[in-house]
Amino acid sequence: MTINKKANGTALEIALEGRLDTMTAPELEAELNQSLTGAESLTLDFSKLDYISSAGLRVLLSAHKAMSAKGGMKVTNVNEIVQEVFEVTGFADILDIEK
């Protein structure tokens, strides 16, 4: 998985490429723990994310909790496969998802 990070003031955008699974979730978790300190809003761009596992969902839930006390978090450009995972797990009701 590739993580591309872009900060614009207190707005943080992270674009993921590849698979967010058991092997790569710790990498994203470490990046978020490091980057969310000064961020007021977080946008996750999933346009190049092919797959997400339960380990990836756990990282998203943790980030969502951290950002809900700030400016919030949104997920953009979700493909059909990842969207289906969100719907089956109930994450579609929790996350702010923009297509």
PDB file of N, CA and C in Angstrom:
ATOM      1  N   MET A   1       0.849  -1.175   0.000  1.00  0.00           N
ATOM      2  CA  MET A   1       0.000   0.000   0.000  1.00  0.00           C
ATOM      3  C   MET A   1       0.892   1.234   0.000  1.00  0.00           C
ATOM      4  N   THR A   2       0.455   2.229  -0.731  1.00  0.00           N
ATOM      5  CA  THR A   2       1.145   3.514  -0.783  1.00  0.00           C
ATOM      6  C   THR A   2       0.280   4.558  -0.091  1.00  0.00           C
ATOM      7  N   ILE A   3       0.908   5.379   0.750  1.00  0.00           N
ATOM      8  CA  ILE A   3       0.209   6.460   1.442  1.00  0.00           C
ATOM      9  C   ILE A   3       0.748   7.787   0.926  1.00  0.00           C
ATOM     10  N   ASN A   4      -0.124   8.597   0.354  1.00  0.00           N
ATOM     11  CA  ASN A   4       0.256   9.932  -0.105  1.00  0.00           C
ATOM     12  C   ASN A   4      -0.436  10.949   0.779  1.00  0.00           C
ATOM     13  N   LYS A   5       0.358  11.775   1.443  1.00  0.00           N
ATOM     14  CA  LYS A   5      -0.171  12.727   2.418  1.00  0.00           C
ATOM     15  C   LYS A   5       0.015  14.142   1.906  1.00  0.00           C
ATOM     16  N   LYS A   6      -1.027  14.965   2.085  1.00  0.00           N
ATOM     17  CA  LYS A   6      -0.984  16.367   1.693  1.00  0.00           C
ATOM     18  C   LYS A   6      -1.641  17.183   2.796  1.00  0.00           C
ATOM     19  N   ALA A   7      -0.901  18.128   3.342  1.00  0.00           N
ATOM     20  CA  ALA A   7      -1.455  18.996   4.382  1.00  0.00           C
ATOM     21  C   ALA A   7      -1.620  20.393   3.810  1.00  0.00           C
ATOM     22  N   ASN A   8      -2.783  20.995   4.118  1.00  0.00           N
ATOM     23  CA  ASN A   8      -3.066  22.360   3.702  1.00  0.00           C
ATOM     24  C   ASN A   8      -3.565  23.091   4.944  1.00  0.00           C
ATOM     25  N   GLY A   9      -2.651  23.702   5.676  1.00  0.00           N
ATOM     26  CA  GLY A   9      -3.023  24.310   6.949  1.00  0.00           C
ATOM     27  C   GLY A   9      -3.382  23.210   7.928  1.00  0.00           C
ATOM     28  N   THR A  10      -4.602  23.272   8.445  1.00  0.00           N
ATOM     29  CA  THR A  10      -5.056  22.248   9.393  1.00  0.00           C
ATOM     30  C   THR A  10      -5.871  21.146   8.711  1.00  0.00           C
ATOM     31  N   ALA A  11      -5.984  21.223   7.384  1.00  0.00           N
ATOM     32  CA  ALA A  11      -6.698  20.191   6.620  1.00  0.00           C
ATOM     33  C   ALA A  11      -5.691  19.165   6.121  1.00  0.00           C
ATOM     34  N   LEU A  12      -5.946  17.907   6.429  1.00  0.00           N
ATOM     35  CA  LEU A  12      -5.062  16.822   6.033  1.00  0.00           C
ATOM     36  C   LEU A  12      -5.781  15.915   5.052  1.00  0.00           C
ATOM     37  N   GLU A  13      -5.119  15.609   3.943  1.00  0.00           N
ATOM     38  CA  GLU A  13      -5.672  14.671   2.962  1.00  0.00           C
ATOM     39  C   GLU A  13      -4.692  13.519   2.802  1.00  0.00           C
ATOM     40  N   ILE A  14      -5.216  12.313   2.926  1.00  0.00           N
ATOM     41  CA  ILE A  14      -4.400  11.119   2.747  1.00  0.00           C
ATOM     42  C   ILE A  14      -5.039  10.261   1.663  1.00  0.00           C
ATOM     43  N   ALA A  15      -4.254   9.981   0.629  1.00  0.00           N
ATOM     44  CA  ALA A  15      -4.708   9.124  -0.465  1.00  0.00           C
ATOM     45  C   ALA A  15      -4.026   7.772  -0.323  1.00  0.00           C
ATOM     46  N   LEU A  16      -4.828   6.722  -0.381  1.00  0.00           N
ATOM     47  CA  LEU A  16      -4.310   5.365  -0.245  1.00  0.00           C
ATOM     48  C   LEU A  16      -4.356   4.661  -1.593  1.00  0.00           C
ATOM     49  N   GLU A  17      -3.323   3.858  -1.833  1.00  0.00           N
ATOM     50  CA  GLU A  17      -3.247   3.110  -3.078  1.00  0.00           C
ATOM     51  C   GLU A  17      -2.881   1.669  -2.765  1.00  0.00           C
ATOM     52  N   GLY A  18      -3.659   0.735  -3.261  1.00  0.00           N
ATOM     53  CA  GLY A  18      -3.374  -0.681  -3.028  1.00  0.00           C
ATOM     54  C   GLY A  18      -4.393  -1.328  -2.112  1.00  0.00           C
ATOM     55  N   ARG A  19      -3.895  -2.103  -1.136  1.00  0.00           N
ATOM     56  CA  ARG A  19      -4.752  -2.866  -0.233  1.00  0.00           C
ATOM     57  C   ARG A  19      -4.528  -2.414   1.203  1.00  0.00           C
ATOM     58  N   LEU A  20      -5.628  -2.151   1.909  1.00  0.00           N
ATOM     59  CA  LEU A  20      -5.565  -1.827   3.339  1.00  0.00           C
ATOM     60  C   LEU A  20      -6.010  -3.084   4.078  1.00  0.00           C
ATOM     61  N   ASP A  21      -5.020  -3.861   4.543  1.00  0.00           N
ATOM     62  CA  ASP A  21      -5.321  -5.144   5.168  1.00  0.00           C
ATOM     63  C   ASP A  21      -4.458  -5.346   6.409  1.00  0.00           C
ATOM     64  N   THR A  22      -4.397  -6.562   6.893  1.00  0.00           N
ATOM     65  CA  THR A  22      -3.658  -6.875   8.118  1.00  0.00           C
ATOM     66  C   THR A  22      -2.190  -6.469   8.024  1.00  0.00           C
ATOM     67  N   MET A  23      -1.615  -6.595   6.854  1.00  0.00           N
ATOM     68  CA  MET A  23      -0.198  -6.281   6.673  1.00  0.00           C
ATOM     69  C   MET A  23       0.059  -4.770   6.600  1.00  0.00           C
ATOM     70  N   THR A  24      -0.878  -4.011   6.046  1.00  0.00           N
ATOM     71  CA  THR A  24      -0.631  -2.589   5.809  1.00  0.00           C
ATOM     72  C   THR A  24      -1.337  -1.659   6.794  1.00  0.00           C
ATOM     73  N   ALA A  25      -2.322  -2.174   7.523  1.00  0.00           N
ATOM     74  CA  ALA A  25      -3.066  -1.326   8.471  1.00  0.00           C
ATOM     75  C   ALA A  25      -2.158  -0.684   9.523  1.00  0.00           C
ATOM     76  N   PRO A  26      -1.165  -1.411  10.077  1.00  0.00           N
ATOM     77  CA  PRO A  26      -0.284  -0.755  11.060  1.00  0.00           C
ATOM     78  C   PRO A  26       0.476   0.441  10.497  1.00  0.00           C
ATOM     79  N   GLU A  27       0.806   0.378   9.211  1.00  0.00           N
ATOM     80  CA  GLU A  27       1.499   1.492   8.552  1.00  0.00           C
ATOM     81  C   GLU A  27       0.596   2.738   8.511  1.00  0.00           C
ATOM     82  N   LEU A  28      -0.672   2.538   8.139  1.00  0.00           N
ATOM     83  CA  LEU A  28      -1.610   3.659   8.111  1.00  0.00           C
ATOM     84  C   LEU A  28      -1.868   4.170   9.525  1.00  0.00           C
ATOM     85  N   GLU A  29      -2.005   3.267  10.473  1.00  0.00           N
ATOM     86  CA  GLU A  29      -2.256   3.665  11.857  1.00  0.00           C
ATOM     87  C   GLU A  29      -1.107   4.533  12.386  1.00  0.00           C
ATOM     88  N   ALA A  30       0.123   4.135  12.099  1.00  0.00           N
ATOM     89  CA  ALA A  30       1.291   4.915  12.538  1.00  0.00           C
ATOM     90  C   ALA A  30       1.308   6.289  11.884  1.00  0.00           C
ATOM     91  N   GLU A  31       0.982   6.334  10.595  1.00  0.00           N
ATOM     92  CA  GLU A  31       0.948   7.616   9.876  1.00  0.00           C
ATOM     93  C   GLU A  31      -0.124   8.538  10.453  1.00  0.00           C
ATOM     94  N   LEU A  32      -1.297   7.999  10.718  1.00  0.00           N
ATOM     95  CA  LEU A  32      -2.383   8.800  11.281  1.00  0.00           C
ATOM     96  C   LEU A  32      -2.043   9.290  12.687  1.00  0.00           C
ATOM     97  N   ASN A  33      -1.479   8.428  13.511  1.00  0.00           N
ATOM     98  CA  ASN A  33      -1.107   8.830  14.867  1.00  0.00           C
ATOM     99  C   ASN A  33      -0.120   9.989  14.840  1.00  0.00           C
ATOM    100  N   GLN A  34       0.755   9.983  13.865  1.00  0.00           N
ATOM    101  CA  GLN A  34       1.759  11.023  13.731  1.00  0.00           C
ATOM    102  C   GLN A  34       1.165  12.303  13.131  1.00  0.00           C
ATOM    103  N   SER A  35       0.263  12.163  12.189  1.00  0.00           N
ATOM    104  CA  SER A  35      -0.207  13.301  11.398  1.00  0.00           C
ATOM    105  C   SER A  35      -1.442  14.013  11.949  1.00  0.00           C
ATOM    106  N   LEU A  36      -2.247  13.339  12.763  1.00  0.00           N
ATOM    107  CA  LEU A  36      -3.519  13.923  13.196  1.00  0.00           C
ATOM    108  C   LEU A  36      -3.376  14.963  14.303  1.00  0.00           C
ATOM    109  N   THR A  37      -2.204  15.090  14.892  1.00  0.00           N
ATOM    110  CA  THR A  37      -2.005  16.003  16.015  1.00  0.00           C
ATOM    111  C   THR A  37      -2.456  17.421  15.705  1.00  0.00           C
ATOM    112  N   GLY A  38      -2.007  17.986  14.594  1.00  0.00           N
ATOM    113  CA  GLY A  38      -2.363  19.361  14.266  1.00  0.00           C
ATOM    114  C   GLY A  38      -3.522  19.497  13.296  1.00  0.00           C
ATOM    115  N   ALA A  39      -4.090  18.374  12.883  1.00  0.00           N
ATOM    116  CA  ALA A  39      -5.153  18.406  11.870  1.00  0.00           C
ATOM    117  C   ALA A  39      -6.513  18.700  12.488  1.00  0.00           C
ATOM    118  N   GLU A  40      -7.268  19.544  11.815  1.00  0.00           N
ATOM    119  CA  GLU A  40      -8.650  19.839  12.219  1.00  0.00           C
ATOM    120  C   GLU A  40      -9.662  19.078  11.368  1.00  0.00           C
ATOM    121  N   SER A  41      -9.238  18.684  10.168  1.00  0.00           N
ATOM    122  CA  SER A  41     -10.113  17.881   9.308  1.00  0.00           C
ATOM    123  C   SER A  41      -9.257  16.868   8.555  1.00  0.00           C
ATOM    124  N   LEU A  42      -9.873  15.730   8.253  1.00  0.00           N
ATOM    125  CA  LEU A  42      -9.175  14.651   7.562  1.00  0.00           C
ATOM    126  C   LEU A  42     -10.020  14.164   6.400  1.00  0.00           C
ATOM    127  N   THR A  43      -9.394  14.094   5.232  1.00  0.00           N
ATOM    128  CA  THR A  43     -10.032  13.512   4.052  1.00  0.00           C
ATOM    129  C   THR A  43      -9.212  12.311   3.623  1.00  0.00           C
ATOM    130  N   LEU A  44      -9.867  11.178   3.496  1.00  0.00           N
ATOM    131  CA  LEU A  44      -9.216   9.967   3.010  1.00  0.00           C
ATOM    132  C   LEU A  44      -9.693   9.714   1.588  1.00  0.00           C
ATOM    133  N   ASP A  45      -8.777   9.745   0.642  1.00  0.00           N
ATOM    134  CA  ASP A  45      -9.095   9.517  -0.763  1.00  0.00           C
ATOM    135  C   ASP A  45      -8.846   8.045  -1.091  1.00  0.00           C
ATOM    136  N   PHE A  46      -9.916   7.335  -1.400  1.00  0.00           N
ATOM    137  CA  PHE A  46      -9.830   5.900  -1.670  1.00  0.00           C
ATOM    138  C   PHE A  46      -9.925   5.587  -3.165  1.00  0.00           C
ATOM    139  N   SER A  47      -9.663   6.564  -4.035  1.00  0.00           N
ATOM    140  CA  SER A  47      -9.825   6.342  -5.479  1.00  0.00           C
ATOM    141  C   SER A  47      -8.931   5.220  -6.000  1.00  0.00           C
ATOM    142  N   LYS A  48      -7.797   4.964  -5.336  1.00  0.00           N
ATOM    143  CA  LYS A  48      -6.891   3.905  -5.784  1.00  0.00           C
ATOM    144  C   LYS A  48      -6.772   2.775  -4.760  1.00  0.00           C
ATOM    145  N   LEU A  49      -7.726   2.737  -3.828  1.00  0.00           N
ATOM    146  CA  LEU A  49      -7.739   1.650  -2.841  1.00  0.00           C
ATOM    147  C   LEU A  49      -8.542   0.486  -3.408  1.00  0.00           C
ATOM    148  N   ASP A  50      -7.890  -0.679  -3.504  1.00  0.00           N
ATOM    149  CA  ASP A  50      -8.525  -1.847  -4.123  1.00  0.00           C
ATOM    150  C   ASP A  50      -9.309  -2.701  -3.144  1.00  0.00           C
ATOM    151  N   TYR A  51      -8.896  -2.689  -1.859  1.00  0.00           N
ATOM    152  CA  TYR A  51      -9.450  -3.647  -0.906  1.00  0.00           C
ATOM    153  C   TYR A  51      -9.275  -3.110   0.507  1.00  0.00           C
ATOM    154  N   ILE A  52     -10.223  -3.433   1.384  1.00  0.00           N
ATOM    155  CA  ILE A  52     -10.089  -3.096   2.801  1.00  0.00           C
ATOM    156  C   ILE A  52     -10.539  -4.295   3.633  1.00  0.00           C
ATOM    157  N   SER A  53      -9.762  -4.613   4.662  1.00  0.00           N
ATOM    158  CA  SER A  53     -10.094  -5.734   5.547  1.00  0.00           C
ATOM    159  C   SER A  53     -10.570  -5.195   6.895  1.00  0.00           C
ATOM    160  N   SER A  54     -10.878  -6.114   7.803  1.00  0.00           N
ATOM    161  CA  SER A  54     -11.324  -5.699   9.134  1.00  0.00           C
ATOM    162  C   SER A  54     -10.230  -4.929   9.866  1.00  0.00           C
ATOM    163  N   ALA A  55      -8.981  -5.241   9.606  1.00  0.00           N
ATOM    164  CA  ALA A  55      -7.878  -4.492  10.221  1.00  0.00           C
ATOM    165  C   ALA A  55      -7.886  -3.041   9.733  1.00  0.00           C
ATOM    166  N   GLY A  56      -8.173  -2.854   8.466  1.00  0.00           N
ATOM    167  CA  GLY A  56      -8.283  -1.506   7.909  1.00  0.00           C
ATOM    168  C   GLY A  56      -9.476  -0.762   8.476  1.00  0.00           C
ATOM    169  N   LEU A  57     -10.584  -1.479   8.657  1.00  0.00           N
ATOM    170  CA  LEU A  57     -11.780  -0.864   9.239  1.00  0.00           C
ATOM    171  C   LEU A  57     -11.511  -0.381  10.663  1.00  0.00           C
ATOM    172  N   ARG A  58     -10.738  -1.154  11.411  1.00  0.00           N
ATOM    173  CA  ARG A  58     -10.399  -0.769  12.787  1.00  0.00           C
ATOM    174  C   ARG A  58      -9.620   0.546  12.804  1.00  0.00           C
ATOM    175  N   VAL A  59      -8.679   0.700  11.870  1.00  0.00           N
ATOM    176  CA  VAL A  59      -7.895   1.933  11.777  1.00  0.00           C
ATOM    177  C   VAL A  59      -8.809   3.108  11.411  1.00  0.00           C
ATOM    178  N   LEU A  60      -9.735   2.885  10.493  1.00  0.00           N
ATOM    179  CA  LEU A  60     -10.684   3.944  10.111  1.00  0.00           C
ATOM    180  C   LEU A  60     -11.556   4.355  11.290  1.00  0.00           C
ATOM    181  N   LEU A  61     -12.024   3.382  12.057  1.00  0.00           N
ATOM    182  CA  LEU A  61     -12.867   3.679  13.210  1.00  0.00           C
ATOM    183  C   LEU A  61     -12.103   4.504  14.240  1.00  0.00           C
ATOM    184  N   SER A  62     -10.864   4.149  14.462  1.00  0.00           N
ATOM    185  CA  SER A  62     -10.023   4.887  15.401  1.00  0.00           C
ATOM    186  C   SER A  62      -9.811   6.328  14.931  1.00  0.00           C
ATOM    187  N   ALA A  63      -9.535   6.502  13.642  1.00  0.00           N
ATOM    188  CA  ALA A  63      -9.348   7.850  13.086  1.00  0.00           C
ATOM    189  C   ALA A  63     -10.648   8.644  13.166  1.00  0.00           C
ATOM    190  N   HIS A  64     -11.769   7.977  12.896  1.00  0.00           N
ATOM    191  CA  HIS A  64     -13.073   8.639  12.958  1.00  0.00           C
ATOM    192  C   HIS A  64     -13.336   9.155  14.366  1.00  0.00           C
ATOM    193  N   LYS A  65     -13.037   8.341  15.373  1.00  0.00           N
ATOM    194  CA  LYS A  65     -13.230   8.766  16.762  1.00  0.00           C
ATOM    195  C   LYS A  65     -12.348   9.955  17.100  1.00  0.00           C
ATOM    196  N   ALA A  66     -11.101   9.904  16.673  1.00  0.00           N
ATOM    197  CA  ALA A  66     -10.164  11.005  16.955  1.00  0.00           C
ATOM    198  C   ALA A  66     -10.609  12.292  16.273  1.00  0.00           C
ATOM    199  N   MET A  67     -11.102  12.192  15.046  1.00  0.00           N
ATOM    200  CA  MET A  67     -11.462  13.394  14.284  1.00  0.00           C
ATOM    201  C   MET A  67     -12.860  13.910  14.619  1.00  0.00           C
ATOM    202  N   SER A  68     -13.712  13.100  15.191  1.00  0.00           N
ATOM    203  CA  SER A  68     -15.064  13.568  15.516  1.00  0.00           C
ATOM    204  C   SER A  68     -15.029  14.650  16.584  1.00  0.00           C
ATOM    205  N   ALA A  69     -13.987  14.669  17.388  1.00  0.00           N
ATOM    206  CA  ALA A  69     -13.837  15.717  18.399  1.00  0.00           C
ATOM    207  C   ALA A  69     -13.279  16.995  17.783  1.00  0.00           C
ATOM    208  N   LYS A  70     -12.835  16.900  16.540  1.00  0.00           N
ATOM    209  CA  LYS A  70     -12.266  18.065  15.837  1.00  0.00           C
ATOM    210  C   LYS A  70     -13.215  18.468  14.717  1.00  0.00           C
ATOM    211  N   GLY A  71     -12.665  18.657  13.523  1.00  0.00           N
ATOM    212  CA  GLY A  71     -13.467  19.104  12.383  1.00  0.00           C
ATOM    213  C   GLY A  71     -14.133  18.004  11.602  1.00  0.00           C
ATOM    214  N   GLY A  72     -13.800  16.753  11.914  1.00  0.00           N
ATOM    215  CA  GLY A  72     -14.445  15.640  11.228  1.00  0.00           C
ATOM    216  C   GLY A  72     -13.561  14.960  10.207  1.00  0.00           C
ATOM    217  N   MET A  73     -14.084  13.864   9.679  1.00  0.00           N
ATOM    218  CA  MET A  73     -13.366  13.045   8.713  1.00  0.00           C
ATOM    219  C   MET A  73     -14.328  12.642   7.612  1.00  0.00           C
ATOM    220  N   LYS A  74     -13.830  12.663   6.377  1.00  0.00           N
ATOM    221  CA  LYS A  74     -14.647  12.164   5.272  1.00  0.00           C
ATOM    222  C   LYS A  74     -13.817  11.244   4.399  1.00  0.00           C
ATOM    223  N   VAL A  75     -14.506  10.319   3.755  1.00  0.00           N
ATOM    224  CA  VAL A  75     -13.885   9.357   2.857  1.00  0.00           C
ATOM    225  C   VAL A  75     -14.437   9.640   1.466  1.00  0.00           C
ATOM    226  N   THR A  76     -13.531   9.773   0.486  1.00  0.00           N
ATOM    227  CA  THR A  76     -13.968  10.117  -0.866  1.00  0.00           C
ATOM    228  C   THR A  76     -13.533   9.046  -1.866  1.00  0.00           C
ATOM    229  N   ASN A  77     -14.220   9.050  -3.004  1.00  0.00           N
ATOM    230  CA  ASN A  77     -13.869   8.207  -4.156  1.00  0.00           C
ATOM    231  C   ASN A  77     -13.803   6.718  -3.817  1.00  0.00           C
ATOM    232  N   VAL A  78     -14.835   6.221  -3.168  1.00  0.00           N
ATOM    233  CA  VAL A  78     -14.886   4.819  -2.753  1.00  0.00           C
ATOM    234  C   VAL A  78     -15.395   3.960  -3.912  1.00  0.00           C
ATOM    235  N   ASN A  79     -14.657   2.899  -4.234  1.00  0.00           N
ATOM    236  CA  ASN A  79     -15.106   2.025  -5.317  1.00  0.00           C
ATOM    237  C   ASN A  79     -16.190   1.066  -4.816  1.00  0.00           C
ATOM    238  N   GLU A  80     -16.761   0.283  -5.725  1.00  0.00           N
ATOM    239  CA  GLU A  80     -17.881  -0.590  -5.378  1.00  0.00           C
ATOM    240  C   GLU A  80     -17.495  -1.668  -4.365  1.00  0.00           C
ATOM    241  N   ILE A  81     -16.304  -2.209  -4.480  1.00  0.00           N
ATOM    242  CA  ILE A  81     -15.870  -3.285  -3.585  1.00  0.00           C
ATOM    243  C   ILE A  81     -15.761  -2.775  -2.156  1.00  0.00           C
ATOM    244  N   VAL A  82     -15.092  -1.640  -1.973  1.00  0.00           N
ATOM    245  CA  VAL A  82     -14.918  -1.069  -0.642  1.00  0.00           C
ATOM    246  C   VAL A  82     -16.266  -0.582  -0.104  1.00  0.00           C
ATOM    247  N   GLN A  83     -17.098  -0.004  -0.967  1.00  0.00           N
ATOM    248  CA  GLN A  83     -18.419   0.460  -0.550  1.00  0.00           C
ATOM    249  C   GLN A  83     -19.262  -0.692  -0.038  1.00  0.00           C
ATOM    250  N   GLU A  84     -19.162  -1.832  -0.693  1.00  0.00           N
ATOM    251  CA  GLU A  84     -19.923  -3.006  -0.254  1.00  0.00           C
ATOM    252  C   GLU A  84     -19.467  -3.455   1.139  1.00  0.00           C
ATOM    253  N   VAL A  85     -18.164  -3.411   1.395  1.00  0.00           N
ATOM    254  CA  VAL A  85     -17.644  -3.754   2.723  1.00  0.00           C
ATOM    255  C   VAL A  85     -18.206  -2.773   3.754  1.00  0.00           C
ATOM    256  N   PHE A  86     -18.220  -1.478   3.408  1.00  0.00           N
ATOM    257  CA  PHE A  86     -18.766  -0.463   4.314  1.00  0.00           C
ATOM    258  C   PHE A  86     -20.238  -0.735   4.615  1.00  0.00           C
ATOM    259  N   GLU A  87     -21.005  -1.119   3.608  1.00  0.00           N
ATOM    260  CA  GLU A  87     -22.434  -1.351   3.796  1.00  0.00           C
ATOM    261  C   GLU A  87     -22.696  -2.608   4.630  1.00  0.00           C
ATOM    262  N   VAL A  88     -21.971  -3.679   4.360  1.00  0.00           N
ATOM    263  CA  VAL A  88     -22.166  -4.942   5.080  1.00  0.00           C
ATOM    264  C   VAL A  88     -21.792  -4.789   6.560  1.00  0.00           C
ATOM    265  N   THR A  89     -20.757  -4.009   6.840  1.00  0.00           N
ATOM    266  CA  THR A  89     -20.270  -3.855   8.212  1.00  0.00           C
ATOM    267  C   THR A  89     -20.960  -2.737   8.985  1.00  0.00           C
ATOM    268  N   GLY A  90     -21.759  -1.918   8.299  1.00  0.00           N
ATOM    269  CA  GLY A  90     -22.413  -0.799   8.969  1.00  0.00           C
ATOM    270  C   GLY A  90     -21.589   0.480   8.959  1.00  0.00           C
ATOM    271  N   PHE A  91     -20.390   0.430   8.395  1.00  0.00           N
ATOM    272  CA  PHE A  91     -19.549   1.620   8.329  1.00  0.00           C
ATOM    273  C   PHE A  91     -20.152   2.693   7.427  1.00  0.00           C
ATOM    274  N   ALA A  92     -21.002   2.279   6.500  1.00  0.00           N
ATOM    275  CA  ALA A  92     -21.651   3.262   5.616  1.00  0.00           C
ATOM    276  C   ALA A  92     -22.535   4.204   6.413  1.00  0.00           C
ATOM    277  N   ASP A  93     -23.022   3.739   7.564  1.00  0.00           N
ATOM    278  CA  ASP A  93     -23.874   4.573   8.426  1.00  0.00           C
ATOM    279  C   ASP A  93     -23.039   5.446   9.374  1.00  0.00           C
ATOM    280  N   ILE A  94     -21.797   5.063   9.597  1.00  0.00           N
ATOM    281  CA  ILE A  94     -20.929   5.769  10.538  1.00  0.00           C
ATOM    282  C   ILE A  94     -20.099   6.851   9.847  1.00  0.00           C
ATOM    283  N   LEU A  95     -19.531   6.490   8.703  1.00  0.00           N
ATOM    284  CA  LEU A  95     -18.586   7.377   8.011  1.00  0.00           C
ATOM    285  C   LEU A  95     -19.303   8.366   7.110  1.00  0.00           C
ATOM    286  N   ASP A  96     -18.664   9.516   6.920  1.00  0.00           N
ATOM    287  CA  ASP A  96     -19.108  10.504   5.934  1.00  0.00           C
ATOM    288  C   ASP A  96     -18.434  10.133   4.619  1.00  0.00           C
ATOM    289  N   ILE A  97     -19.204   9.520   3.713  1.00  0.00           N
ATOM    290  CA  ILE A  97     -18.648   9.014   2.455  1.00  0.00           C
ATOM    291  C   ILE A  97     -19.156   9.854   1.296  1.00  0.00           C
ATOM    292  N   GLU A  98     -18.207  10.405   0.527  1.00  0.00           N
ATOM    293  CA  GLU A  98     -18.529  11.170  -0.683  1.00  0.00           C
ATOM    294  C   GLU A  98     -18.054  10.366  -1.876  1.00  0.00           C
ATOM    295  N   LYS A  99     -18.938  10.203  -2.859  1.00  0.00           N
ATOM    296  CA  LYS A  99     -18.542   9.412  -4.027  1.00  0.00           C
ATOM    297  C   LYS A  99     -17.937  10.258  -5.112  1.00  0.00           C
TER     298      LYS A  99
END
